Protein backbone atom coordinates (compact mmCIF):
# COMPACT_ATOMS: atom_id res chain seq x y z
CA MET A 1 83.76 43.78 124.71
CA SER A 2 82.58 42.66 128.11
CA THR A 3 84.98 40.37 129.92
CA GLY A 4 83.69 40.62 133.45
CA GLU A 5 87.05 42.02 134.51
CA GLY A 6 86.18 45.70 134.82
CA PRO A 7 87.08 48.69 132.63
CA SER A 8 89.68 48.22 129.94
CA GLY A 9 89.38 44.45 129.90
CA PRO A 10 92.21 42.33 128.51
CA VAL A 11 92.57 41.62 124.80
CA SER A 12 91.30 38.19 123.77
CA VAL A 13 93.30 35.85 121.55
CA GLY A 14 90.96 36.56 118.65
CA GLU A 15 91.62 40.29 118.87
CA ARG A 16 95.43 40.01 118.75
CA LEU A 17 97.18 41.27 115.62
CA GLY A 18 99.45 38.59 114.20
CA ILE A 19 101.88 41.05 112.67
CA LEU A 20 102.51 42.71 116.04
CA ASP A 21 103.14 39.37 117.74
CA ALA A 22 105.49 38.42 114.90
CA ILE A 23 107.49 41.64 115.11
CA ARG A 24 107.55 41.38 118.90
CA GLY A 25 109.01 37.88 118.55
CA VAL A 26 111.66 39.10 116.11
CA ALA A 27 112.54 41.93 118.50
CA LEU A 28 113.01 39.40 121.30
CA GLY A 29 115.52 37.60 119.09
CA GLY A 30 117.48 40.81 118.55
CA ILE A 31 117.41 41.62 122.27
CA LEU A 32 118.67 38.10 123.02
CA VAL A 33 121.67 38.59 120.72
CA ALA A 34 122.47 41.95 122.33
CA ASN A 35 122.28 40.44 125.83
CA LEU A 36 124.38 37.43 124.82
CA ILE A 37 127.25 39.80 124.05
CA SER A 38 127.28 40.64 127.75
CA PHE A 39 126.76 37.08 128.95
CA PHE A 40 129.56 35.83 126.67
CA GLY A 41 131.79 38.31 128.53
CA VAL A 42 132.91 40.06 125.35
CA TYR A 43 133.70 43.35 127.07
CA TRP A 44 135.75 41.68 129.81
CA LEU A 45 138.12 40.25 127.23
CA THR A 46 140.78 42.14 125.32
CA LEU A 47 140.87 42.01 121.54
CA GLU A 48 143.88 39.71 121.74
CA GLU A 49 142.05 37.31 124.06
CA ARG A 50 139.01 37.22 121.79
CA MET A 51 141.13 36.69 118.70
CA ALA A 52 142.92 33.80 120.45
CA MET A 53 139.62 31.93 120.74
CA PRO A 54 138.65 29.39 118.07
CA ALA A 55 137.44 31.22 114.94
CA GLY A 56 138.40 34.51 116.60
CA ILE A 57 138.08 36.56 113.41
CA VAL A 58 134.54 35.22 112.94
CA GLY A 59 133.74 36.19 116.51
CA GLU A 60 134.93 39.74 115.87
CA ALA A 61 132.75 39.90 112.75
CA VAL A 62 129.79 38.78 114.90
CA VAL A 63 130.47 41.51 117.47
CA PHE A 64 130.84 44.17 114.78
CA GLY A 65 127.67 43.02 113.02
CA MET A 66 125.77 43.17 116.31
CA ASP A 67 127.03 46.70 117.01
CA TRP A 68 126.12 47.78 113.49
CA LEU A 69 122.80 46.08 112.80
CA ILE A 70 121.34 44.98 116.13
CA GLU A 71 122.44 47.04 119.14
CA GLY A 72 119.69 49.47 120.10
CA LYS A 73 117.53 48.67 117.07
CA PHE A 74 115.48 45.82 118.48
CA TYR A 75 115.08 47.33 121.91
CA SER A 76 113.81 50.40 120.01
CA ILE A 77 111.31 48.23 118.13
CA PHE A 78 110.24 46.64 121.41
CA SER A 79 109.75 50.12 122.88
CA MET A 80 107.68 51.30 119.94
CA LEU A 81 105.52 48.20 120.19
CA LEU A 82 104.63 49.14 123.76
CA GLY A 83 103.44 52.50 122.41
CA VAL A 84 101.46 50.71 119.68
CA GLY A 85 99.82 48.50 122.30
CA PHE A 86 98.98 51.56 124.39
CA ALA A 87 97.27 53.20 121.41
CA ILE A 88 95.25 50.08 120.58
CA GLN A 89 94.10 49.71 124.19
CA TRP A 90 93.15 53.39 124.34
CA GLN A 91 91.13 53.18 121.12
CA ARG A 92 89.28 50.10 122.34
CA ALA A 93 88.58 51.77 125.70
CA GLU A 94 87.09 54.77 123.90
CA ALA A 95 84.97 52.46 121.76
CA ARG A 96 83.56 50.97 124.97
CA GLY A 97 82.67 54.46 126.18
CA GLU A 98 85.40 54.78 128.80
CA SER A 99 86.76 58.23 129.62
CA SER A 100 90.42 59.17 129.21
CA SER A 101 90.85 59.33 132.97
CA GLN A 102 89.45 55.80 133.39
CA PHE A 103 91.84 54.44 130.81
CA ALA A 104 94.77 56.38 132.30
CA ARG A 105 94.11 54.81 135.72
CA PHE A 106 93.97 51.35 134.18
CA PHE A 107 97.16 51.83 132.15
CA ARG A 108 99.11 53.25 135.08
CA LYS A 109 98.06 50.29 137.21
CA ARG A 110 99.29 48.01 134.42
CA MET A 111 102.62 49.84 134.35
CA THR A 112 102.93 49.68 138.14
CA VAL A 113 102.65 45.89 137.98
CA LEU A 114 105.26 45.89 135.21
CA ILE A 115 107.59 47.89 137.47
CA LEU A 116 107.25 45.25 140.20
CA ILE A 117 108.00 42.46 137.72
CA GLY A 118 110.94 44.45 136.35
CA LEU A 119 112.41 45.15 139.79
CA THR A 120 112.28 41.44 140.62
CA HIS A 121 114.04 40.64 137.36
CA LEU A 122 116.53 43.48 137.84
CA TYR A 123 117.72 42.52 141.30
CA ALA A 124 117.19 38.76 141.34
CA VAL A 125 118.23 37.76 137.82
CA TRP A 126 119.81 40.28 135.45
CA ALA A 127 120.88 43.89 135.99
CA GLY A 128 120.36 44.54 132.28
CA ASP A 129 116.58 44.59 132.80
CA ILE A 130 114.58 47.03 130.68
CA LEU A 131 111.10 46.37 132.10
CA THR A 132 111.51 48.63 135.13
CA LEU A 133 112.36 51.62 132.95
CA TYR A 134 109.48 50.77 130.61
CA GLY A 135 107.07 50.72 133.54
CA VAL A 136 108.32 53.98 135.03
CA MET A 137 108.18 55.86 131.73
CA GLY A 138 104.87 54.19 130.87
CA LEU A 139 103.30 55.96 133.84
CA LEU A 140 103.76 59.22 131.92
CA LEU A 141 102.48 57.94 128.59
CA PRO A 142 98.74 58.70 129.06
CA THR A 143 99.65 62.35 129.69
CA LEU A 144 102.33 62.84 127.03
CA ALA A 145 100.40 61.02 124.29
CA ARG A 146 97.73 63.72 124.31
CA GLY A 147 97.90 66.90 122.29
CA SER A 148 98.07 67.78 118.63
CA SER A 149 100.27 65.94 116.16
CA ARG A 150 102.53 68.97 115.90
CA VAL A 151 103.07 69.11 119.66
CA ARG A 152 103.74 65.37 119.86
CA LEU A 153 106.23 65.58 116.98
CA ALA A 154 108.08 68.37 118.78
CA VAL A 155 108.14 66.34 122.02
CA ILE A 156 109.38 63.22 120.22
CA THR A 157 112.17 65.17 118.50
CA LEU A 158 113.20 66.79 121.78
CA PHE A 159 113.27 63.46 123.64
CA LEU A 160 115.32 61.73 120.93
CA LEU A 161 117.90 64.53 121.10
CA VAL A 162 118.33 64.30 124.88
CA PRO A 163 121.02 61.53 124.82
CA PHE A 164 123.32 63.70 122.71
CA ALA A 165 122.50 66.86 124.68
CA THR A 166 123.27 65.03 127.94
CA HIS A 167 126.62 63.87 126.59
CA VAL A 168 127.47 67.42 125.51
CA LEU A 169 126.53 68.74 128.96
CA VAL A 170 128.67 66.19 130.79
CA TYR A 171 131.59 66.64 128.39
CA THR A 172 131.62 70.44 128.45
CA THR A 173 131.51 70.50 132.26
CA ASP A 174 134.42 68.03 132.56
CA GLY A 175 132.13 65.49 134.18
CA ARG A 176 130.95 67.75 137.01
CA LEU A 177 127.33 67.21 135.97
CA ASP A 178 127.75 63.49 135.26
CA PRO A 179 124.86 61.75 137.10
CA ARG A 180 126.44 58.29 137.06
CA PRO A 181 129.26 58.39 139.70
CA PRO A 182 126.98 58.67 142.79
CA PHE A 183 124.99 55.64 141.64
CA VAL A 184 128.18 53.68 140.92
CA GLU A 185 129.43 54.42 144.42
CA MET A 186 126.14 53.23 145.91
CA GLY A 187 126.37 50.12 143.77
CA VAL A 188 129.88 49.34 145.01
CA GLN A 189 128.74 49.75 148.60
CA ALA A 190 125.73 47.50 148.00
CA GLY A 191 127.95 44.79 146.49
CA GLN A 192 130.36 44.97 149.42
CA ALA A 193 127.51 44.78 151.92
CA LEU A 194 126.32 41.56 150.27
CA GLY A 195 129.72 40.00 150.69
CA GLY A 196 130.98 39.63 147.13
CA ASP A 197 134.52 38.27 146.70
CA SER A 198 136.65 41.42 146.40
CA SER A 199 139.71 39.42 145.26
CA LEU A 200 138.07 38.63 141.92
CA SER A 201 137.63 40.96 138.98
CA ARG A 202 134.08 41.72 137.89
CA GLY A 203 134.40 39.36 134.95
CA GLU A 204 135.68 36.58 137.22
CA ILE A 205 132.86 37.17 139.71
CA PHE A 206 130.35 36.95 136.87
CA SER A 207 131.63 33.69 135.42
CA GLN A 208 133.48 31.96 138.28
CA GLY A 209 132.02 33.26 141.53
CA GLY A 210 129.40 31.38 143.49
CA PRO A 211 125.73 32.34 143.79
CA ARG A 212 126.47 34.82 146.57
CA ASP A 213 129.16 36.50 144.45
CA TYR A 214 126.81 36.75 141.47
CA VAL A 215 124.02 38.23 143.60
CA ALA A 216 126.46 40.85 144.96
CA TRP A 217 127.70 41.61 141.43
CA ASN A 218 124.18 41.85 140.01
CA VAL A 219 122.81 44.06 142.79
CA SER A 220 125.85 46.33 142.46
CA PHE A 221 125.13 46.85 138.77
CA ALA A 222 121.39 47.16 139.34
CA VAL A 223 121.90 49.97 141.85
CA ALA A 224 124.25 51.75 139.42
CA ARG A 225 121.95 51.30 136.42
CA PRO A 226 119.76 54.40 136.96
CA GLY A 227 122.91 56.51 136.81
CA THR A 228 123.87 54.88 133.52
CA TYR A 229 120.38 55.55 132.17
CA LEU A 230 120.53 59.22 133.17
CA GLN A 231 124.05 59.60 131.78
CA GLY A 232 122.92 58.26 128.41
CA GLY A 233 119.51 59.97 128.38
CA ARG A 234 117.85 56.55 128.05
CA PRO A 235 114.56 57.46 129.83
CA PHE A 236 113.88 60.26 127.34
CA HIS A 237 114.86 58.08 124.40
CA VAL A 238 112.46 55.36 125.55
CA MET A 239 109.64 57.88 125.97
CA GLY A 240 110.27 59.23 122.48
CA LEU A 241 110.00 55.69 121.12
CA PHE A 242 106.80 55.10 123.10
CA LEU A 243 105.28 58.19 121.51
CA ILE A 244 106.36 57.10 118.02
CA GLY A 245 104.68 53.77 118.69
CA ALA A 246 101.53 55.46 119.95
CA TRP A 247 101.40 57.51 116.75
CA ILE A 248 101.89 54.36 114.64
CA GLY A 249 99.10 52.61 116.53
CA THR A 250 96.73 55.56 116.16
CA ALA A 251 97.45 56.93 112.70
CA LEU A 252 99.04 54.12 110.69
CA LEU A 253 98.03 50.70 111.98
CA PRO A 254 94.28 51.03 111.28
CA ARG A 255 95.09 51.87 107.63
CA LEU A 256 98.22 49.75 107.24
CA ALA A 257 96.80 47.83 104.28
CA SER A 258 96.52 51.06 102.28
CA PHE A 259 100.19 51.93 102.72
CA GLY A 260 102.55 50.53 100.15
CA ARG A 261 104.67 53.24 98.67
CA SER A 262 104.94 55.00 102.04
CA LEU A 263 106.29 51.84 103.69
CA ARG A 264 108.88 51.46 100.94
CA VAL A 265 109.95 55.07 101.42
CA VAL A 266 110.35 54.53 105.18
CA ALA A 267 112.26 51.29 104.60
CA ILE A 268 114.67 52.86 102.10
CA THR A 269 115.09 56.22 103.83
CA GLY A 270 115.52 54.67 107.26
CA ALA A 271 118.17 52.32 105.93
CA ALA A 272 119.90 55.09 103.97
CA VAL A 273 120.22 57.15 107.16
CA GLY A 274 120.58 54.42 109.76
CA LEU A 275 123.01 52.01 108.11
CA PRO A 276 125.95 54.40 107.56
CA LEU A 277 125.49 56.16 110.92
CA SER A 278 125.27 52.83 112.77
CA PHE A 279 128.31 51.61 110.84
CA PHE A 280 130.23 54.67 112.02
CA TYR A 281 129.10 53.99 115.59
CA ALA A 282 130.31 50.39 115.32
CA LEU A 283 133.67 51.53 113.94
CA ILE A 284 134.25 53.86 116.89
CA LYS A 285 133.23 51.10 119.30
CA LEU A 286 135.62 48.67 117.57
CA ARG A 287 138.43 51.18 117.86
CA HIS A 288 138.01 51.34 121.65
CA GLU A 289 137.13 47.63 122.04
CA GLN A 290 134.18 48.25 124.37
CA SER A 291 131.03 50.29 124.81
CA VAL A 292 131.78 53.21 127.09
CA PHE A 293 130.64 56.78 127.66
CA MET A 294 133.73 58.49 126.31
CA MET A 295 134.65 61.96 127.53
CA SER A 296 136.07 63.09 124.20
CA ALA A 297 135.10 64.58 120.88
CA GLU A 298 135.13 61.08 119.45
CA GLY A 299 132.74 60.04 122.20
CA LEU A 300 130.38 62.82 121.17
CA LEU A 301 130.51 61.57 117.58
CA GLN A 302 129.76 58.07 118.78
CA THR A 303 126.72 59.21 120.75
CA ALA A 304 125.53 61.41 117.89
CA SER A 305 125.79 58.57 115.36
CA TYR A 306 123.94 56.20 117.71
CA ALA A 307 121.19 58.73 118.50
CA ALA A 308 120.71 59.72 114.85
CA GLY A 309 121.08 56.24 113.33
CA THR A 310 119.31 53.82 115.64
CA THR A 311 115.71 55.02 115.38
CA PRO A 312 115.66 55.42 111.56
CA LEU A 313 117.09 51.92 111.12
CA ALA A 314 114.57 50.49 113.60
CA LEU A 315 111.76 52.16 111.64
CA SER A 316 113.22 50.71 108.45
CA TYR A 317 113.10 47.24 109.99
CA LEU A 318 109.47 47.79 110.97
CA ALA A 319 108.54 48.91 107.46
CA ILE A 320 110.33 45.92 105.91
CA ALA A 321 108.42 43.58 108.24
CA ALA A 322 105.10 45.24 107.31
CA LEU A 323 105.90 44.82 103.62
CA ALA A 324 107.03 41.23 104.09
CA TRP A 325 103.78 40.41 105.92
CA ARG A 326 101.93 41.08 102.65
CA THR A 327 103.76 38.31 100.80
CA ASP A 328 103.21 34.59 101.32
CA ALA A 329 106.88 33.83 101.89
CA GLY A 330 107.38 36.83 104.15
CA ARG A 331 104.33 36.04 106.25
CA ARG A 332 105.37 32.41 106.67
CA ALA A 333 108.82 33.52 107.84
CA LEU A 334 107.42 36.06 110.29
CA GLU A 335 104.72 33.73 111.59
CA TRP A 336 107.48 31.51 112.98
CA PHE A 337 107.99 34.21 115.64
CA VAL A 338 104.31 34.64 116.57
CA PRO A 339 104.33 32.16 119.51
CA LEU A 340 107.33 34.00 120.97
CA GLY A 341 105.56 37.34 120.58
CA ARG A 342 102.38 36.08 122.23
CA MET A 343 104.41 35.15 125.33
CA ALA A 344 106.85 38.07 125.12
CA LEU A 345 107.12 38.76 128.85
CA SER A 346 107.65 35.10 129.75
CA VAL A 347 110.14 34.68 126.90
CA TYR A 348 112.12 37.79 127.87
CA ILE A 349 112.44 36.79 131.54
CA SER A 350 113.21 33.15 130.71
CA GLN A 351 115.96 34.25 128.32
CA SER A 352 117.71 35.95 131.24
CA ILE A 353 117.33 32.85 133.41
CA ILE A 354 118.70 30.58 130.67
CA GLN A 355 121.68 32.87 130.08
CA MET A 356 122.33 33.14 133.83
CA VAL A 357 122.38 29.34 134.21
CA VAL A 358 124.62 28.78 131.19
CA PHE A 359 127.11 31.61 131.54
CA THR A 360 127.38 32.74 135.18
CA GLY A 361 128.65 31.26 138.41
CA TRP A 362 125.08 30.24 139.22
CA GLY A 363 125.43 27.47 136.66
CA PHE A 364 128.01 26.35 134.12
CA GLY A 365 130.12 29.52 134.18
CA LEU A 366 130.82 29.58 130.43
CA SER A 367 131.20 33.36 130.21
CA THR A 368 134.60 34.45 128.75
CA ARG A 369 135.30 30.80 127.87
CA THR A 370 132.88 30.27 124.99
CA PRO A 371 134.08 31.30 121.50
CA VAL A 372 132.19 34.41 120.43
CA ALA A 373 131.81 32.87 116.97
CA LEU A 374 129.23 30.52 118.53
CA LEU A 375 126.98 33.37 119.64
CA PRO A 376 124.57 33.15 116.66
CA VAL A 377 124.30 29.38 117.15
CA VAL A 378 123.52 29.83 120.85
CA ALA A 379 120.93 32.53 120.08
CA VAL A 380 119.15 30.40 117.46
CA THR A 381 119.18 27.38 119.79
CA ILE A 382 117.64 29.33 122.66
CA LEU A 383 114.97 30.84 120.41
CA PHE A 384 114.12 27.46 118.87
CA VAL A 385 113.74 25.81 122.28
CA GLN A 386 111.68 28.71 123.57
CA ARG A 387 109.40 28.58 120.55
CA GLN A 388 108.77 24.88 121.07
CA VAL A 389 107.92 25.51 124.71
CA CYS A 390 105.63 28.40 123.69
CA LEU A 391 103.79 26.17 121.20
CA TRP A 392 103.33 23.49 123.85
CA TRP A 393 102.15 26.01 126.44
CA LEU A 394 99.76 27.93 124.16
CA ALA A 395 98.12 24.68 123.09
CA ARG A 396 97.02 24.33 126.72
CA HIS A 397 96.68 27.92 127.98
CA ARG A 398 95.41 31.25 126.66
CA GLN A 399 98.57 33.17 127.60
CA GLY A 400 102.03 32.71 129.06
CA PRO A 401 102.56 32.24 132.81
CA LEU A 402 103.99 35.70 133.43
CA GLU A 403 101.37 37.23 131.14
CA TRP A 404 98.77 35.56 133.40
CA VAL A 405 100.45 37.07 136.49
CA TRP A 406 100.54 40.51 134.84
CA ARG A 407 96.90 40.28 133.83
CA ARG A 408 95.73 38.92 137.18
CA ALA A 409 97.63 41.56 139.16
CA THR A 410 96.25 44.30 136.89
CA TYR A 411 92.59 43.24 136.79
CA GLY A 412 92.30 41.54 140.19
């Protein structure tokens, strides 16, 4: 494929795989729901305050359902899809006669651009950004994806166990080896330097403060975020998911049509393992009313259930989607998400901007004031509007605006 844009040219529209765009679009919906929990201000409200809202019991059911079925699962799918995309690009580069070192240079340049986009999003819009971490860990992917299947399986297993091992290490040392506090302190200092209103609580700053207060709040959390990642072992977890995705893209995707029984086994087994463990995680989270890194035996159980349940359930979701894609009704349902998946980067960033305008002091300040029971309605509304915009845009352009920036910055 010669594109005139140098080695490892971009994928054309005709080469895109519809099922991957569809699953990517579904994953964006799950990530939106998970982020809306934060933008609604759920964790700044007590259980009594949430129950006092209209349809409070429905809102609590929504939160529990999110913790059980959504939290971590769709970000895991999104992570695996990056690994799948890496594998596809690598295979196509090899087919064009490019060396591994040539492709590695291209991919690392692509990840460097993603880091720059992520940092802008992280500090200017939403401290919950995941792109920066994806870019940083993606720099290591060309190296770690090599080796025999046995070695890669061992590396994946090790990386997926790191979050629990980290929690054990912090817990057994009474927090002396906790990496988060220094970053939190730096974050507090950064927020103070930017002049945030110290008389307001963090929830009040988020929803009621002016633009300057929100910027100070967001930068404070952004500076502290690496410590949170290290405390929870998130970088290793993400890399493990990347490697799973790379294996799927290399070993399974080219022969996906021949897998039927195997997909059903993955769907059933993943659900059998992931559903009860994720339910247990959600129960512990409900008991303590918020998501925290708990220095207790119960906290260890919570981390263990999350680490052991999230990835199997995410794989089950992927297998179910692959099976559904083979049926007329399933494909029609999944194809609804294809426009979102084709513009995934633009959709992800615009979701943060929409939520910032609606819920924070930058805009309408509806955080902590909107009934949590409305969260699914808000999520569906945002996705529907975004899909309509994507359809309009793709009828006129080959890719989304931020996809164009990413491509242009990568290829020159």
